[in-house]
Amino acid sequence: MSRKEALSSFIQQIHARPVVVKLNSGVDYRGVLACLDGYMNIALEQTEEYVNGQLKNKFGDAFIRGNNVLYISTQKRRY
């Protein structure tokens, strides 16, 4: 599997699932991945903003510009 195929597979697996998006500034956004494009622009639903590990804000929808993204990680569902 090529690197491009692996990335495409990962994106398909995490679509509509809880994710953590870490920004270059150190802020984390946690929510359900609604959309991700080729520039790493991200749309999240049910979004929570964490600064230094503490919840600061809750948003219904959030749009994050790709040049601010350090990484995207899967997040285990909360029960």
PDB file of N, CA and C in Angstrom:
ATOM      1  N   MET A   1       0.853  -1.182   0.000  1.00  0.00           N
ATOM      2  CA  MET A   1       0.000   0.000   0.000  1.00  0.00           C
ATOM      3  C   MET A   1       0.894   1.240   0.000  1.00  0.00           C
ATOM      4  N   SER A   2       0.631   2.148  -0.909  1.00  0.00           N
ATOM      5  CA  SER A   2       1.423   3.371  -0.992  1.00  0.00           C
ATOM      6  C   SER A   2       1.048   4.312   0.155  1.00  0.00           C
ATOM      7  N   ARG A   3       1.871   5.304   0.334  1.00  0.00           N
ATOM      8  CA  ARG A   3       1.627   6.285   1.401  1.00  0.00           C
ATOM      9  C   ARG A   3       0.312   7.031   1.167  1.00  0.00           C
ATOM     10  N   LYS A   4       0.038   7.377  -0.090  1.00  0.00           N
ATOM     11  CA  LYS A   4      -1.202   8.081  -0.438  1.00  0.00           C
ATOM     12  C   LYS A   4      -2.423   7.208  -0.151  1.00  0.00           C
ATOM     13  N   GLU A   5      -2.331   5.926  -0.481  1.00  0.00           N
ATOM     14  CA  GLU A   5      -3.435   4.998  -0.208  1.00  0.00           C
ATOM     15  C   GLU A   5      -3.645   4.823   1.292  1.00  0.00           C
ATOM     16  N   ALA A   6      -2.554   4.770   2.038  1.00  0.00           N
ATOM     17  CA  ALA A   6      -2.642   4.615   3.492  1.00  0.00           C
ATOM     18  C   ALA A   6      -3.313   5.834   4.118  1.00  0.00           C
ATOM     19  N   LEU A   7      -2.958   7.023   3.645  1.00  0.00           N
ATOM     20  CA  LEU A   7      -3.567   8.244   4.162  1.00  0.00           C
ATOM     21  C   LEU A   7      -5.052   8.284   3.833  1.00  0.00           C
ATOM     22  N   SER A   8      -5.396   7.935   2.617  1.00  0.00           N
ATOM     23  CA  SER A   8      -6.800   7.904   2.199  1.00  0.00           C
ATOM     24  C   SER A   8      -7.591   6.917   3.047  1.00  0.00           C
ATOM     25  N   SER A   9      -7.017   5.770   3.319  1.00  0.00           N
ATOM     26  CA  SER A   9      -7.666   4.752   4.149  1.00  0.00           C
ATOM     27  C   SER A   9      -7.877   5.273   5.579  1.00  0.00           C
ATOM     28  N   PHE A  10      -6.854   5.940   6.127  1.00  0.00           N
ATOM     29  CA  PHE A  10      -6.968   6.504   7.477  1.00  0.00           C
ATOM     30  C   PHE A  10      -8.094   7.530   7.544  1.00  0.00           C
ATOM     31  N   ILE A  11      -8.164   8.405   6.552  1.00  0.00           N
ATOM     32  CA  ILE A  11      -9.200   9.441   6.531  1.00  0.00           C
ATOM     33  C   ILE A  11     -10.586   8.809   6.464  1.00  0.00           C
ATOM     34  N   GLN A  12     -10.736   7.769   5.648  1.00  0.00           N
ATOM     35  CA  GLN A  12     -12.025   7.080   5.557  1.00  0.00           C
ATOM     36  C   GLN A  12     -12.409   6.442   6.886  1.00  0.00           C
ATOM     37  N   GLN A  13     -11.434   5.902   7.596  1.00  0.00           N
ATOM     38  CA  GLN A  13     -11.693   5.239   8.873  1.00  0.00           C
ATOM     39  C   GLN A  13     -12.115   6.213   9.965  1.00  0.00           C
ATOM     40  N   ILE A  14     -11.574   7.432   9.947  1.00  0.00           N
ATOM     41  CA  ILE A  14     -11.878   8.374  11.030  1.00  0.00           C
ATOM     42  C   ILE A  14     -13.032   9.313  10.721  1.00  0.00           C
ATOM     43  N   HIS A  15     -13.529   9.304   9.484  1.00  0.00           N
ATOM     44  CA  HIS A  15     -14.652  10.177   9.130  1.00  0.00           C
ATOM     45  C   HIS A  15     -15.857   9.838   9.994  1.00  0.00           C
ATOM     46  N   ALA A  16     -16.493  10.870  10.551  1.00  0.00           N
ATOM     47  CA  ALA A  16     -17.661  10.751  11.431  1.00  0.00           C
ATOM     48  C   ALA A  16     -17.329  10.068  12.758  1.00  0.00           C
ATOM     49  N   ARG A  17     -16.071  10.108  13.146  1.00  0.00           N
ATOM     50  CA  ARG A  17     -15.629   9.548  14.432  1.00  0.00           C
ATOM     51  C   ARG A  17     -14.996  10.644  15.286  1.00  0.00           C
ATOM     52  N   PRO A  18     -14.935  10.429  16.583  1.00  0.00           N
ATOM     53  CA  PRO A  18     -14.280  11.417  17.459  1.00  0.00           C
ATOM     54  C   PRO A  18     -12.779  11.510  17.174  1.00  0.00           C
ATOM     55  N   VAL A  19     -12.277  12.741  17.086  1.00  0.00           N
ATOM     56  CA  VAL A  19     -10.856  12.977  16.824  1.00  0.00           C
ATOM     57  C   VAL A  19     -10.346  14.101  17.733  1.00  0.00           C
ATOM     58  N   VAL A  20      -9.030  14.158  17.847  1.00  0.00           N
ATOM     59  CA  VAL A  20      -8.341  15.267  18.508  1.00  0.00           C
ATOM     60  C   VAL A  20      -7.509  15.952  17.439  1.00  0.00           C
ATOM     61  N   VAL A  21      -7.658  17.258  17.317  1.00  0.00           N
ATOM     62  CA  VAL A  21      -6.856  18.048  16.381  1.00  0.00           C
ATOM     63  C   VAL A  21      -5.965  18.959  17.213  1.00  0.00           C
ATOM     64  N   LYS A  22      -4.668  18.758  17.108  1.00  0.00           N
ATOM     65  CA  LYS A  22      -3.696  19.571  17.845  1.00  0.00           C
ATOM     66  C   LYS A  22      -3.188  20.662  16.916  1.00  0.00           C
ATOM     67  N   LEU A  23      -3.247  21.904  17.372  1.00  0.00           N
ATOM     68  CA  LEU A  23      -2.777  23.030  16.576  1.00  0.00           C
ATOM     69  C   LEU A  23      -1.327  23.359  16.907  1.00  0.00           C
ATOM     70  N   ASN A  24      -0.689  24.093  16.009  1.00  0.00           N
ATOM     71  CA  ASN A  24       0.694  24.531  16.231  1.00  0.00           C
ATOM     72  C   ASN A  24       0.827  25.355  17.510  1.00  0.00           C
ATOM     73  N   SER A  25      -0.246  26.026  17.910  1.00  0.00           N
ATOM     74  CA  SER A  25      -0.236  26.863  19.111  1.00  0.00           C
ATOM     75  C   SER A  25      -0.308  26.043  20.397  1.00  0.00           C
ATOM     76  N   GLY A  26      -0.588  24.738  20.274  1.00  0.00           N
ATOM     77  CA  GLY A  26      -0.706  23.881  21.451  1.00  0.00           C
ATOM     78  C   GLY A  26      -2.138  23.649  21.890  1.00  0.00           C
ATOM     79  N   VAL A  27      -3.089  24.343  21.297  1.00  0.00           N
ATOM     80  CA  VAL A  27      -4.505  24.179  21.628  1.00  0.00           C
ATOM     81  C   VAL A  27      -5.025  22.900  20.979  1.00  0.00           C
ATOM     82  N   ASP A  28      -5.862  22.158  21.716  1.00  0.00           N
ATOM     83  CA  ASP A  28      -6.498  20.946  21.198  1.00  0.00           C
ATOM     84  C   ASP A  28      -7.961  21.221  20.926  1.00  0.00           C
ATOM     85  N   TYR A  29      -8.460  20.666  19.829  1.00  0.00           N
ATOM     86  CA  TYR A  29      -9.887  20.665  19.545  1.00  0.00           C
ATOM     87  C   TYR A  29     -10.316  19.214  19.454  1.00  0.00           C
ATOM     88  N   ARG A  30     -11.374  18.883  20.180  1.00  0.00           N
ATOM     89  CA  ARG A  30     -11.899  17.515  20.179  1.00  0.00           C
ATOM     90  C   ARG A  30     -13.329  17.559  19.682  1.00  0.00           C
ATOM     91  N   GLY A  31     -13.620  16.699  18.734  1.00  0.00           N
ATOM     92  CA  GLY A  31     -14.964  16.659  18.181  1.00  0.00           C
ATOM     93  C   GLY A  31     -15.099  15.541  17.170  1.00  0.00           C
ATOM     94  N   VAL A  32     -16.229  15.530  16.486  1.00  0.00           N
ATOM     95  CA  VAL A  32     -16.508  14.513  15.480  1.00  0.00           C
ATOM     96  C   VAL A  32     -16.100  15.066  14.117  1.00  0.00           C
ATOM     97  N   LEU A  33     -15.257  14.331  13.408  1.00  0.00           N
ATOM     98  CA  LEU A  33     -14.759  14.777  12.109  1.00  0.00           C
ATOM     99  C   LEU A  33     -15.884  14.758  11.083  1.00  0.00           C
ATOM    100  N   ALA A  34     -16.216  15.937  10.565  1.00  0.00           N
ATOM    101  CA  ALA A  34     -17.263  16.055   9.555  1.00  0.00           C
ATOM    102  C   ALA A  34     -16.663  16.100   8.157  1.00  0.00           C
ATOM    103  N   CYS A  35     -15.502  16.757   8.017  1.00  0.00           N
ATOM    104  CA  CYS A  35     -14.920  16.930   6.687  1.00  0.00           C
ATOM    105  C   CYS A  35     -13.429  17.235   6.813  1.00  0.00           C
ATOM    106  N   LEU A  36     -12.677  16.754   5.850  1.00  0.00           N
ATOM    107  CA  LEU A  36     -11.239  17.005   5.788  1.00  0.00           C
ATOM    108  C   LEU A  36     -10.866  17.085   4.313  1.00  0.00           C
ATOM    109  N   ASP A  37     -10.178  18.163   3.911  1.00  0.00           N
ATOM    110  CA  ASP A  37      -9.808  18.283   2.501  1.00  0.00           C
ATOM    111  C   ASP A  37      -8.299  18.094   2.308  1.00  0.00           C
ATOM    112  N   GLY A  38      -7.857  18.233   1.077  1.00  0.00           N
ATOM    113  CA  GLY A  38      -6.462  18.009   0.733  1.00  0.00           C
ATOM    114  C   GLY A  38      -5.496  19.013   1.339  1.00  0.00           C
ATOM    115  N   TYR A  39      -5.996  20.132   1.823  1.00  0.00           N
ATOM    116  CA  TYR A  39      -5.164  21.151   2.471  1.00  0.00           C
ATOM    117  C   TYR A  39      -5.176  21.014   3.986  1.00  0.00           C
ATOM    118  N   MET A  40      -5.771  19.938   4.482  1.00  0.00           N
ATOM    119  CA  MET A  40      -5.920  19.673   5.916  1.00  0.00           C
ATOM    120  C   MET A  40      -6.870  20.657   6.580  1.00  0.00           C
ATOM    121  N   ASN A  41      -7.718  21.345   5.810  1.00  0.00           N
ATOM    122  CA  ASN A  41      -8.791  22.131   6.407  1.00  0.00           C
ATOM    123  C   ASN A  41      -9.781  21.138   7.004  1.00  0.00           C
ATOM    124  N   ILE A  42     -10.238  21.420   8.208  1.00  0.00           N
ATOM    125  CA  ILE A  42     -11.026  20.453   8.961  1.00  0.00           C
ATOM    126  C   ILE A  42     -12.333  21.084   9.424  1.00  0.00           C
ATOM    127  N   ALA A  43     -13.399  20.317   9.317  1.00  0.00           N
ATOM    128  CA  ALA A  43     -14.691  20.699   9.897  1.00  0.00           C
ATOM    129  C   ALA A  43     -15.005  19.682  10.984  1.00  0.00           C
ATOM    130  N   LEU A  44     -15.277  20.184  12.179  1.00  0.00           N
ATOM    131  CA  LEU A  44     -15.631  19.333  13.311  1.00  0.00           C
ATOM    132  C   LEU A  44     -17.035  19.667  13.797  1.00  0.00           C
ATOM    133  N   GLU A  45     -17.710  18.673  14.332  1.00  0.00           N
ATOM    134  CA  GLU A  45     -19.003  18.855  14.982  1.00  0.00           C
ATOM    135  C   GLU A  45     -18.834  18.517  16.461  1.00  0.00           C
ATOM    136  N   GLN A  46     -19.717  19.049  17.299  1.00  0.00           N
ATOM    137  CA  GLN A  46     -19.686  18.796  18.751  1.00  0.00           C
ATOM    138  C   GLN A  46     -18.283  19.067  19.302  1.00  0.00           C
ATOM    139  N   THR A  47     -17.771  20.232  18.979  1.00  0.00           N
ATOM    140  CA  THR A  47     -16.370  20.564  19.241  1.00  0.00           C
ATOM    141  C   THR A  47     -16.152  21.136  20.628  1.00  0.00           C
ATOM    142  N   GLU A  48     -15.054  20.709  21.239  1.00  0.00           N
ATOM    143  CA  GLU A  48     -14.609  21.251  22.528  1.00  0.00           C
ATOM    144  C   GLU A  48     -13.183  21.765  22.345  1.00  0.00           C
ATOM    145  N   GLU A  49     -12.892  22.925  22.938  1.00  0.00           N
ATOM    146  CA  GLU A  49     -11.561  23.524  22.864  1.00  0.00           C
ATOM    147  C   GLU A  49     -10.859  23.343  24.208  1.00  0.00           C
ATOM    148  N   TYR A  50      -9.653  22.791  24.170  1.00  0.00           N
ATOM    149  CA  TYR A  50      -8.857  22.570  25.379  1.00  0.00           C
ATOM    150  C   TYR A  50      -7.569  23.369  25.297  1.00  0.00           C
ATOM    151  N   VAL A  51      -7.299  24.132  26.342  1.00  0.00           N
ATOM    152  CA  VAL A  51      -6.053  24.882  26.462  1.00  0.00           C
ATOM    153  C   VAL A  51      -5.354  24.386  27.713  1.00  0.00           C
ATOM    154  N   ASN A  52      -4.116  23.929  27.549  1.00  0.00           N
ATOM    155  CA  ASN A  52      -3.353  23.342  28.665  1.00  0.00           C
ATOM    156  C   ASN A  52      -4.130  22.231  29.350  1.00  0.00           C
ATOM    157  N   GLY A  53      -4.853  21.436  28.559  1.00  0.00           N
ATOM    158  CA  GLY A  53      -5.583  20.297  29.082  1.00  0.00           C
ATOM    159  C   GLY A  53      -6.910  20.621  29.752  1.00  0.00           C
ATOM    160  N   GLN A  54      -7.276  21.907  29.803  1.00  0.00           N
ATOM    161  CA  GLN A  54      -8.523  22.310  30.456  1.00  0.00           C
ATOM    162  C   GLN A  54      -9.530  22.776  29.424  1.00  0.00           C
ATOM    163  N   LEU A  55     -10.777  22.327  29.599  1.00  0.00           N
ATOM    164  CA  LEU A  55     -11.853  22.715  28.693  1.00  0.00           C
ATOM    165  C   LEU A  55     -12.098  24.213  28.800  1.00  0.00           C
ATOM    166  N   LYS A  56     -12.059  24.912  27.654  1.00  0.00           N
ATOM    167  CA  LYS A  56     -12.269  26.365  27.636  1.00  0.00           C
ATOM    168  C   LYS A  56     -13.573  26.757  26.960  1.00  0.00           C
ATOM    169  N   ASN A  57     -13.928  26.085  25.861  1.00  0.00           N
ATOM    170  CA  ASN A  57     -15.136  26.435  25.108  1.00  0.00           C
ATOM    171  C   ASN A  57     -15.748  25.193  24.501  1.00  0.00           C
ATOM    172  N   LYS A  58     -17.055  25.302  24.217  1.00  0.00           N
ATOM    173  CA  LYS A  58     -17.758  24.269  23.457  1.00  0.00           C
ATOM    174  C   LYS A  58     -18.415  24.950  22.274  1.00  0.00           C
ATOM    175  N   PHE A  59     -18.287  24.319  21.104  1.00  0.00           N
ATOM    176  CA  PHE A  59     -18.860  24.846  19.873  1.00  0.00           C
ATOM    177  C   PHE A  59     -19.698  23.752  19.220  1.00  0.00           C
ATOM    178  N   GLY A  60     -20.732  24.150  18.500  1.00  0.00           N
ATOM    179  CA  GLY A  60     -21.483  23.174  17.727  1.00  0.00           C
ATOM    180  C   GLY A  60     -20.631  22.690  16.572  1.00  0.00           C
ATOM    181  N   ASP A  61     -20.239  23.622  15.709  1.00  0.00           N
ATOM    182  CA  ASP A  61     -19.386  23.316  14.559  1.00  0.00           C
ATOM    183  C   ASP A  61     -18.150  24.202  14.621  1.00  0.00           C
ATOM    184  N   ALA A  62     -17.035  23.662  14.157  1.00  0.00           N
ATOM    185  CA  ALA A  62     -15.797  24.439  14.109  1.00  0.00           C
ATOM    186  C   ALA A  62     -15.080  24.124  12.801  1.00  0.00           C
ATOM    187  N   PHE A  63     -14.485  25.153  12.219  1.00  0.00           N
ATOM    188  CA  PHE A  63     -13.710  25.002  11.000  1.00  0.00           C
ATOM    189  C   PHE A  63     -12.279  25.430  11.302  1.00  0.00           C
ATOM    190  N   ILE A  64     -11.343  24.561  11.005  1.00  0.00           N
ATOM    191  CA  ILE A  64      -9.938  24.807  11.327  1.00  0.00           C
ATOM    192  C   ILE A  64      -9.140  24.842  10.031  1.00  0.00           C
ATOM    193  N   ARG A  65      -8.417  25.906   9.833  1.00  0.00           N
ATOM    194  CA  ARG A  65      -7.593  26.047   8.635  1.00  0.00           C
ATOM    195  C   ARG A  65      -6.389  25.116   8.723  1.00  0.00           C
ATOM    196  N   GLY A  66      -6.108  24.436   7.636  1.00  0.00           N
ATOM    197  CA  GLY A  66      -5.099  23.382   7.620  1.00  0.00           C
ATOM    198  C   GLY A  66      -3.696  23.800   7.994  1.00  0.00           C
ATOM    199  N   ASN A  67      -3.297  25.049   7.700  1.00  0.00           N
ATOM    200  CA  ASN A  67      -1.923  25.444   8.009  1.00  0.00           C
ATOM    201  C   ASN A  67      -1.680  25.592   9.513  1.00  0.00           C
ATOM    202  N   ASN A  68      -2.731  25.533  10.321  1.00  0.00           N
ATOM    203  CA  ASN A  68      -2.591  25.600  11.777  1.00  0.00           C
ATOM    204  C   ASN A  68      -2.497  24.229  12.428  1.00  0.00           C
ATOM    205  N   VAL A  69      -2.733  23.158  11.671  1.00  0.00           N
ATOM    206  CA  VAL A  69      -2.845  21.812  12.227  1.00  0.00           C
ATOM    207  C   VAL A  69      -1.471  21.165  12.375  1.00  0.00           C
ATOM    208  N   LEU A  70      -1.182  20.703  13.587  1.00  0.00           N
ATOM    209  CA  LEU A  70       0.034  19.942  13.847  1.00  0.00           C
ATOM    210  C   LEU A  70      -0.224  18.462  13.568  1.00  0.00           C
ATOM    211  N   TYR A  71      -1.340  17.928  14.121  1.00  0.00           N
ATOM    212  CA  TYR A  71      -1.711  16.541  13.832  1.00  0.00           C
ATOM    213  C   TYR A  71      -3.186  16.292  14.127  1.00  0.00           C
ATOM    214  N   ILE A  72      -3.673  15.181  13.590  1.00  0.00           N
ATOM    215  CA  ILE A  72      -5.024  14.689  13.865  1.00  0.00           C
ATOM    216  C   ILE A  72      -4.858  13.295  14.434  1.00  0.00           C
ATOM    217  N   SER A  73      -5.575  13.021  15.516  1.00  0.00           N
ATOM    218  CA  SER A  73      -5.493  11.717  16.165  1.00  0.00           C
ATOM    219  C   SER A  73      -6.899  11.211  16.459  1.00  0.00           C
ATOM    220  N   THR A  74      -7.060   9.919  16.474  1.00  0.00           N
ATOM    221  CA  THR A  74      -8.360   9.363  16.859  1.00  0.00           C
ATOM    222  C   THR A  74      -8.543   9.504  18.356  1.00  0.00           C
ATOM    223  N   GLN A  75      -9.771   9.567  18.766  1.00  0.00           N
ATOM    224  CA  GLN A  75     -10.103   9.720  20.181  1.00  0.00           C
ATOM    225  C   GLN A  75     -11.087   8.632  20.539  1.00  0.00           C
ATOM    226  N   LYS A  76     -10.846   7.978  21.660  1.00  0.00           N
ATOM    227  CA  LYS A  76     -11.772   6.938  22.095  1.00  0.00           C
ATOM    228  C   LYS A  76     -13.096   7.587  22.487  1.00  0.00           C
ATOM    229  N   ARG A  77     -14.178   6.883  22.187  1.00  0.00           N
ATOM    230  CA  ARG A  77     -15.499   7.381  22.541  1.00  0.00           C
ATOM    231  C   ARG A  77     -15.673   7.408  24.052  1.00  0.00           C
ATOM    232  N   ARG A  78     -16.377   8.434  24.519  1.00  0.00           N
ATOM    233  CA  ARG A  78     -16.680   8.536  25.949  1.00  0.00           C
ATOM    234  C   ARG A  78     -18.018   7.858  26.197  1.00  0.00           C
ATOM    235  N   TYR A  79     -18.093   7.094  27.251  1.00  0.00           N
ATOM    236  CA  TYR A  79     -19.334   6.384  27.583  1.00  0.00           C
ATOM    237  C   TYR A  79     -19.939   6.924  28.858  1.00  0.00           C
TER     238      TYR A  79
END
